[in-house]
Amino acid sequence: MSFLITIGFLIGSTLMYSSPLILVAIGALFSEKSGIINIGLEGMMYFGCFSAAAVAVITGNPWLALVIAALSGGVFGLLHGYACIMRNANQVVSGIAINFLAPGLALYLSRLLFDGATMTPTIANKLPKLFTGIDSKTEFGELLNLIFSQYVVVYLAFAVVIITIIIMNRTKLGLRIKAVGEHPIAAATVGINVLRIRFFSVFISGALAGIGGACFSLAIVSNFRQGLISGQGYIALAAMIFGRWKPKSTMFACLLFGFTKSLQIFIGGPSVPFEISVDILSLLPYVVTIAVLVLFAKESAAPKAIGKPYNLDSR
């Protein structure tokens, strides 16, 4: 493999594997900016991955599957919101409960719909790739093809980052989300509906996590199976912390984690002259996650009201 093709492969696969992380991490940012910790991202991703695969297999429509994944993730987000916002449940415990509930429900429904199988059939109609017409007869053309010929969810992920930056920095909605996350009582005194803002934020968080899960079944892997998500929700949460609760920095953190996955695949491929154990390579993304959290978590500044219950009586 030539140098240009190697670079193209690494960049292209980094973008592909980063896109679900970006979507989920931005979802986490919405929730936590409003003051609600969302540990349940893993479960929301898992159910989004399943629901997208199931709908795509049954209907053959990947776009409908993507919408259903967003809605299913959003429902789990609202469930988490109800427990934490209305019932003042411990936010970490609620998120962990969702991480058990959502995968269990997904596997149960998979067995129910697909003759006892814990994986769906292969999806025939995946989400489309964009810019597939790039001439790849030359090495430079192949480089461009590897980088830009990506599934639509890759471009969707970067669009979500741009939209989030605009919302958080240029709109009243973003200002209200941040105000609620910093000082909900003060926000309520100026007429901001704290409960509504927090419910909106956890719904968006769940919806983006569901879409992030759908990236695997509708694009990267082409089906749903047990263990497919395998910690991606936690890595996305780590990326958001590494990114200091800022959309652009969170995106770059996700690209770093996506690059470790890309590097893992490249090193394990035939182009590398030496051989490394698959088990050791599979540890790479998680080792990088732990290292990043150890080195940079203390520098992060979480919203001041994060994890703290709020109700009408607290005013």
Protein backbone atom coordinates (compact mmCIF):
# COMPACT_ATOMS: atom_id res chain seq x y z
CA MET A 1 0.00 0.00 0.00
CA SER A 2 1.49 3.34 -1.07
CA PHE A 3 1.91 6.27 1.29
CA LEU A 4 -0.98 8.26 -0.22
CA ILE A 5 -3.35 5.29 -0.07
CA THR A 6 -2.33 4.61 3.52
CA ILE A 7 -3.05 8.23 4.46
CA GLY A 8 -6.38 8.09 2.65
CA PHE A 9 -7.36 4.87 4.42
CA LEU A 10 -6.46 6.25 7.85
CA ILE A 11 -8.32 9.55 7.30
CA GLY A 12 -11.35 7.90 5.71
CA SER A 13 -11.73 5.20 8.36
CA THR A 14 -11.14 7.78 11.11
CA LEU A 15 -14.05 9.84 9.78
CA MET A 16 -16.27 6.76 9.55
CA TYR A 17 -15.57 5.49 13.06
CA SER A 18 -15.67 9.00 14.55
CA SER A 19 -19.13 9.86 13.23
CA PRO A 20 -21.17 7.80 15.75
CA LEU A 21 -18.95 9.06 18.57
CA ILE A 22 -19.49 12.67 17.49
CA LEU A 23 -23.26 12.28 17.40
CA VAL A 24 -23.43 10.61 20.80
CA ALA A 25 -20.93 12.98 22.42
CA ILE A 26 -22.85 16.03 21.17
CA GLY A 27 -26.00 14.43 22.55
CA ALA A 28 -24.27 14.05 25.91
CA LEU A 29 -23.25 17.70 25.71
CA PHE A 30 -26.88 18.82 25.34
CA SER A 31 -27.97 16.80 28.36
CA GLU A 32 -25.08 17.76 30.62
CA LYS A 33 -25.13 21.43 29.63
CA SER A 34 -28.67 21.47 31.01
CA GLY A 35 -27.51 19.86 34.26
CA ILE A 36 -28.50 16.21 33.66
CA ILE A 37 -25.78 13.53 33.70
CA ASN A 38 -26.46 10.95 30.98
CA ILE A 39 -24.58 7.73 31.69
CA GLY A 40 -27.26 5.88 29.71
CA LEU A 41 -25.78 6.76 26.31
CA GLU A 42 -24.51 3.21 25.81
CA GLY A 43 -27.97 1.72 26.23
CA MET A 44 -29.57 4.38 24.02
CA MET A 45 -27.00 3.65 21.32
CA TYR A 46 -27.65 -0.07 21.65
CA PHE A 47 -31.40 0.26 21.23
CA GLY A 48 -30.99 2.77 18.40
CA CYS A 49 -28.73 0.29 16.63
CA PHE A 50 -31.30 -2.49 17.02
CA SER A 51 -34.38 -0.47 16.11
CA ALA A 52 -32.69 0.91 12.99
CA ALA A 53 -31.63 -2.57 11.88
CA ALA A 54 -35.04 -4.09 12.56
CA VAL A 55 -36.92 -1.37 10.67
CA ALA A 56 -34.45 -1.48 7.77
CA VAL A 57 -34.81 -5.27 7.47
CA ILE A 58 -38.61 -5.22 7.70
CA THR A 59 -39.34 -2.17 5.52
CA GLY A 60 -36.22 -1.88 3.38
CA ASN A 61 -36.17 1.88 4.04
CA PRO A 62 -32.94 3.06 5.76
CA TRP A 63 -34.18 6.64 6.13
CA LEU A 64 -37.27 5.51 8.04
CA ALA A 65 -34.96 3.29 10.10
CA LEU A 66 -32.79 6.31 10.97
CA VAL A 67 -35.84 8.30 12.11
CA ILE A 68 -37.08 5.38 14.24
CA ALA A 69 -33.61 5.05 15.80
CA ALA A 70 -33.70 8.74 16.75
CA LEU A 71 -37.20 8.44 18.23
CA SER A 72 -36.39 5.27 20.17
CA GLY A 73 -33.27 6.86 21.62
CA GLY A 74 -35.31 9.95 22.42
CA VAL A 75 -37.89 7.88 24.30
CA PHE A 76 -35.16 6.42 26.51
CA GLY A 77 -33.87 9.97 26.97
CA LEU A 78 -37.32 11.06 28.17
CA LEU A 79 -37.50 8.03 30.47
CA HIS A 80 -34.16 9.06 31.97
CA GLY A 81 -35.44 12.63 32.19
CA TYR A 82 -38.64 11.62 33.95
CA ALA A 83 -36.70 9.68 36.58
CA CYS A 84 -34.15 12.45 37.15
CA ILE A 85 -36.19 15.60 36.59
CA MET A 86 -39.61 14.70 37.95
CA ARG A 87 -38.65 12.08 40.54
CA ASN A 88 -35.24 13.45 41.55
CA ALA A 89 -33.67 10.02 41.04
CA ASN A 90 -29.92 9.68 41.21
CA GLN A 91 -28.83 10.54 37.67
CA VAL A 92 -25.93 8.10 37.54
CA VAL A 93 -28.05 5.21 38.81
CA SER A 94 -30.82 6.02 36.33
CA GLY A 95 -28.33 6.03 33.46
CA ILE A 96 -26.83 2.71 34.54
CA ALA A 97 -30.34 1.23 34.74
CA ILE A 98 -30.96 2.28 31.13
CA ASN A 99 -27.67 0.63 30.14
CA PHE A 100 -29.13 -2.64 31.43
CA LEU A 101 -32.73 -2.10 30.30
CA ALA A 102 -32.18 -1.00 26.70
CA PRO A 103 -29.83 -3.84 25.60
CA GLY A 104 -32.02 -6.41 27.35
CA LEU A 105 -35.13 -5.10 25.58
CA ALA A 106 -33.29 -4.99 22.25
CA LEU A 107 -32.19 -8.63 22.55
CA TYR A 108 -35.69 -9.71 23.63
CA LEU A 109 -37.29 -7.97 20.63
CA SER A 110 -34.63 -9.37 18.32
CA ARG A 111 -35.47 -12.92 19.43
CA LEU A 112 -39.17 -12.13 19.10
CA LEU A 113 -38.92 -10.71 15.57
CA PHE A 114 -36.17 -12.87 14.05
CA ASP A 115 -36.90 -16.46 15.08
CA GLY A 116 -34.96 -16.47 18.32
CA ALA A 117 -31.81 -14.89 16.88
CA THR A 118 -29.86 -12.26 18.82
CA MET A 119 -28.81 -10.63 15.58
CA THR A 120 -30.76 -9.29 12.64
CA PRO A 121 -30.35 -10.41 9.03
CA THR A 122 -27.98 -8.41 6.85
CA ILE A 123 -29.49 -5.10 5.77
CA ALA A 124 -29.86 -4.96 1.98
CA ASN A 125 -30.51 -1.22 1.68
CA LYS A 126 -27.96 0.68 3.72
CA LEU A 127 -27.69 4.43 3.99
CA PRO A 128 -26.10 5.90 0.85
CA LYS A 129 -22.56 7.14 0.42
CA LEU A 130 -21.94 10.65 -0.89
CA PHE A 131 -19.37 11.72 -3.50
CA THR A 132 -18.96 8.22 -4.91
CA GLY A 133 -18.25 9.50 -8.41
CA ILE A 134 -14.67 10.63 -7.71
CA ASP A 135 -12.28 9.30 -10.35
CA SER A 136 -9.98 6.83 -8.55
CA LYS A 137 -7.80 5.77 -11.50
CA THR A 138 -4.84 7.72 -10.10
CA GLU A 139 -3.40 7.52 -6.60
CA PHE A 140 -4.48 11.08 -5.86
CA GLY A 141 -7.99 10.28 -7.06
CA GLU A 142 -8.06 7.19 -4.86
CA LEU A 143 -6.91 9.34 -1.93
CA LEU A 144 -9.82 11.73 -2.47
CA ASN A 145 -12.18 8.79 -2.89
CA LEU A 146 -11.08 7.22 0.41
CA ILE A 147 -11.49 10.51 2.27
CA PHE A 148 -14.67 11.99 0.80
CA SER A 149 -16.70 8.97 -0.33
CA GLN A 150 -18.38 8.47 3.04
CA TYR A 151 -21.77 7.39 4.32
CA VAL A 152 -24.23 10.23 4.75
CA VAL A 153 -24.08 9.91 8.56
CA VAL A 154 -20.46 11.13 8.49
CA TYR A 155 -21.55 14.42 6.96
CA LEU A 156 -24.59 14.48 9.26
CA ALA A 157 -22.28 14.24 12.30
CA PHE A 158 -20.25 17.28 11.26
CA ALA A 159 -23.45 19.17 10.40
CA VAL A 160 -24.73 18.45 13.92
CA VAL A 161 -21.52 19.94 15.37
CA ILE A 162 -21.96 23.14 13.35
CA ILE A 163 -25.64 23.41 14.31
CA THR A 164 -24.79 22.82 17.97
CA ILE A 165 -22.13 25.54 17.93
CA ILE A 166 -24.68 27.96 16.49
CA ILE A 167 -27.36 26.95 19.00
CA MET A 168 -25.09 27.17 22.03
CA ASN A 169 -23.39 30.44 21.09
CA ARG A 170 -25.89 32.36 18.96
CA THR A 171 -29.42 31.54 20.13
CA LYS A 172 -31.67 32.13 23.13
CA LEU A 173 -32.21 28.38 23.37
CA GLY A 174 -28.51 27.75 23.85
CA LEU A 175 -28.26 30.51 26.43
CA ARG A 176 -31.18 29.02 28.33
CA ILE A 177 -29.71 25.50 28.25
CA LYS A 178 -26.44 26.80 29.69
CA ALA A 179 -28.23 28.95 32.27
CA VAL A 180 -30.27 25.98 33.46
CA GLY A 181 -27.12 23.90 33.77
CA GLU A 182 -25.24 26.56 35.70
CA HIS A 183 -27.91 27.96 38.03
CA PRO A 184 -31.45 26.62 37.52
CA ILE A 185 -32.98 28.64 40.36
CA ALA A 186 -31.67 31.92 38.93
CA ALA A 187 -32.85 30.84 35.46
CA ALA A 188 -36.34 30.17 36.80
CA THR A 189 -36.55 33.62 38.39
CA VAL A 190 -36.20 35.25 34.96
CA GLY A 191 -38.99 33.14 33.48
CA ILE A 192 -37.08 30.17 32.00
CA ASN A 193 -38.98 26.89 32.27
CA VAL A 194 -36.23 24.72 33.75
CA LEU A 195 -38.15 21.45 33.47
CA ARG A 196 -39.02 22.02 29.82
CA ILE A 197 -35.44 22.91 28.88
CA ARG A 198 -34.08 19.84 30.66
CA PHE A 199 -36.64 17.51 29.06
CA PHE A 200 -35.82 18.95 25.65
CA SER A 201 -32.11 18.45 26.27
CA VAL A 202 -32.37 14.83 27.40
CA PHE A 203 -34.64 14.05 24.43
CA ILE A 204 -32.07 15.49 22.01
CA SER A 205 -29.36 13.58 23.87
CA GLY A 206 -31.23 10.29 23.48
CA ALA A 207 -32.15 10.98 19.85
CA LEU A 208 -28.53 11.67 18.86
CA ALA A 209 -27.41 8.58 20.78
CA GLY A 210 -29.99 6.54 18.86
CA ILE A 211 -28.70 7.91 15.55
CA GLY A 212 -25.16 7.17 16.69
CA GLY A 213 -26.15 3.55 17.28
CA ALA A 214 -27.87 3.44 13.90
CA CYS A 215 -24.56 4.41 12.25
CA PHE A 216 -23.29 0.92 13.03
CA SER A 217 -26.25 -1.08 11.74
CA LEU A 218 -27.15 1.14 8.76
CA ALA A 219 -23.63 1.95 7.58
CA ILE A 220 -20.55 0.50 9.25
CA VAL A 221 -21.59 -3.11 9.95
CA SER A 222 -24.90 -3.68 8.07
CA ASN A 223 -26.74 -5.51 10.86
CA PHE A 224 -27.39 -5.60 14.58
CA ARG A 225 -25.74 -8.13 16.84
CA GLN A 226 -24.98 -8.56 20.51
CA GLY A 227 -21.93 -6.65 21.69
CA LEU A 228 -21.77 -4.44 18.61
CA ILE A 229 -21.69 -1.14 20.54
CA SER A 230 -19.12 -2.47 23.05
CA GLY A 231 -18.40 0.64 25.09
CA GLN A 232 -18.82 3.28 22.38
CA GLY A 233 -21.26 5.25 24.55
CA TYR A 234 -18.72 5.48 27.34
CA ILE A 235 -16.00 6.54 24.92
CA ALA A 236 -18.30 9.29 23.60
CA LEU A 237 -18.90 10.46 27.16
CA ALA A 238 -15.14 10.52 27.75
CA ALA A 239 -14.70 12.53 24.54
CA MET A 240 -17.17 15.12 25.76
CA ILE A 241 -15.31 15.43 29.07
CA PHE A 242 -12.00 15.65 27.21
CA GLY A 243 -13.59 18.31 25.00
CA ARG A 244 -14.54 20.32 28.12
CA TRP A 245 -18.24 20.42 27.27
CA LYS A 246 -17.53 22.42 24.08
CA PRO A 247 -18.85 21.21 20.69
CA LYS A 248 -15.73 21.84 18.60
CA SER A 249 -13.31 20.43 21.17
CA THR A 250 -15.61 17.43 21.65
CA MET A 251 -15.54 16.80 17.90
CA PHE A 252 -11.73 16.78 17.86
CA ALA A 253 -11.69 14.41 20.85
CA CYS A 254 -13.99 12.04 18.94
CA LEU A 255 -11.68 12.24 15.92
CA LEU A 256 -8.80 11.21 18.18
CA PHE A 257 -10.70 8.18 19.42
CA GLY A 258 -11.82 7.37 15.87
CA PHE A 259 -8.18 7.51 14.78
CA THR A 260 -7.23 4.93 17.42
CA LYS A 261 -9.86 2.58 15.96
CA SER A 262 -8.57 3.27 12.45
CA LEU A 263 -5.00 2.63 13.59
CA GLN A 264 -6.10 -0.58 15.27
CA ILE A 265 -7.54 -1.87 11.99
CA PHE A 266 -4.53 -0.73 9.96
CA ILE A 267 -1.98 -2.35 12.28
CA GLY A 268 -4.00 -5.56 12.28
CA GLY A 269 -4.16 -5.63 8.47
CA PRO A 270 -1.92 -7.27 5.87
CA SER A 271 -0.05 -4.04 5.04
CA VAL A 272 1.90 -4.13 8.31
CA PRO A 273 4.94 -6.48 8.15
CA PHE A 274 4.74 -7.51 11.83
CA GLU A 275 1.93 -9.26 13.69
CA ILE A 276 0.27 -8.09 16.92
CA SER A 277 -2.28 -10.03 18.92
CA VAL A 278 -5.87 -9.13 18.10
CA ASP A 279 -6.64 -9.01 21.83
CA ILE A 280 -3.95 -6.38 22.39
CA LEU A 281 -5.12 -4.31 19.43
CA SER A 282 -8.72 -4.38 20.68
CA LEU A 283 -7.55 -2.70 23.89
CA LEU A 284 -6.14 0.35 22.07
CA PRO A 285 -9.27 2.60 22.03
CA TYR A 286 -9.99 1.90 25.70
CA VAL A 287 -6.39 2.44 26.81
CA VAL A 288 -6.41 5.81 25.02
CA THR A 289 -9.75 6.66 26.69
CA ILE A 290 -8.40 5.94 30.17
CA ALA A 291 -5.16 7.83 29.47
CA VAL A 292 -7.04 10.89 28.23
CA LEU A 293 -9.33 10.95 31.26
CA VAL A 294 -6.40 10.59 33.67
CA LEU A 295 -4.43 13.36 31.98
CA PHE A 296 -7.15 15.88 31.19
CA ALA A 297 -10.25 15.25 33.35
CA LYS A 298 -9.04 17.63 36.08
CA GLU A 299 -8.86 20.47 33.57
CA SER A 300 -12.51 20.06 32.57
CA ALA A 301 -15.11 22.42 33.97
CA ALA A 302 -18.52 20.79 34.19
CA PRO A 303 -21.70 22.87 34.52
CA LYS A 304 -22.12 23.86 38.16
CA ALA A 305 -25.61 22.38 38.62
CA ILE A 306 -24.86 19.07 36.90
CA GLY A 307 -26.21 16.09 38.79
CA LYS A 308 -28.12 18.26 41.27
CA PRO A 309 -31.89 17.72 41.48
CA TYR A 310 -34.23 20.62 40.83
CA ASN A 311 -37.91 20.96 41.62
CA LEU A 312 -40.40 23.74 42.02
CA ASP A 313 -39.98 23.78 45.78
CA SER A 314 -36.23 24.41 45.47
CA ARG A 315 -36.92 27.96 44.34
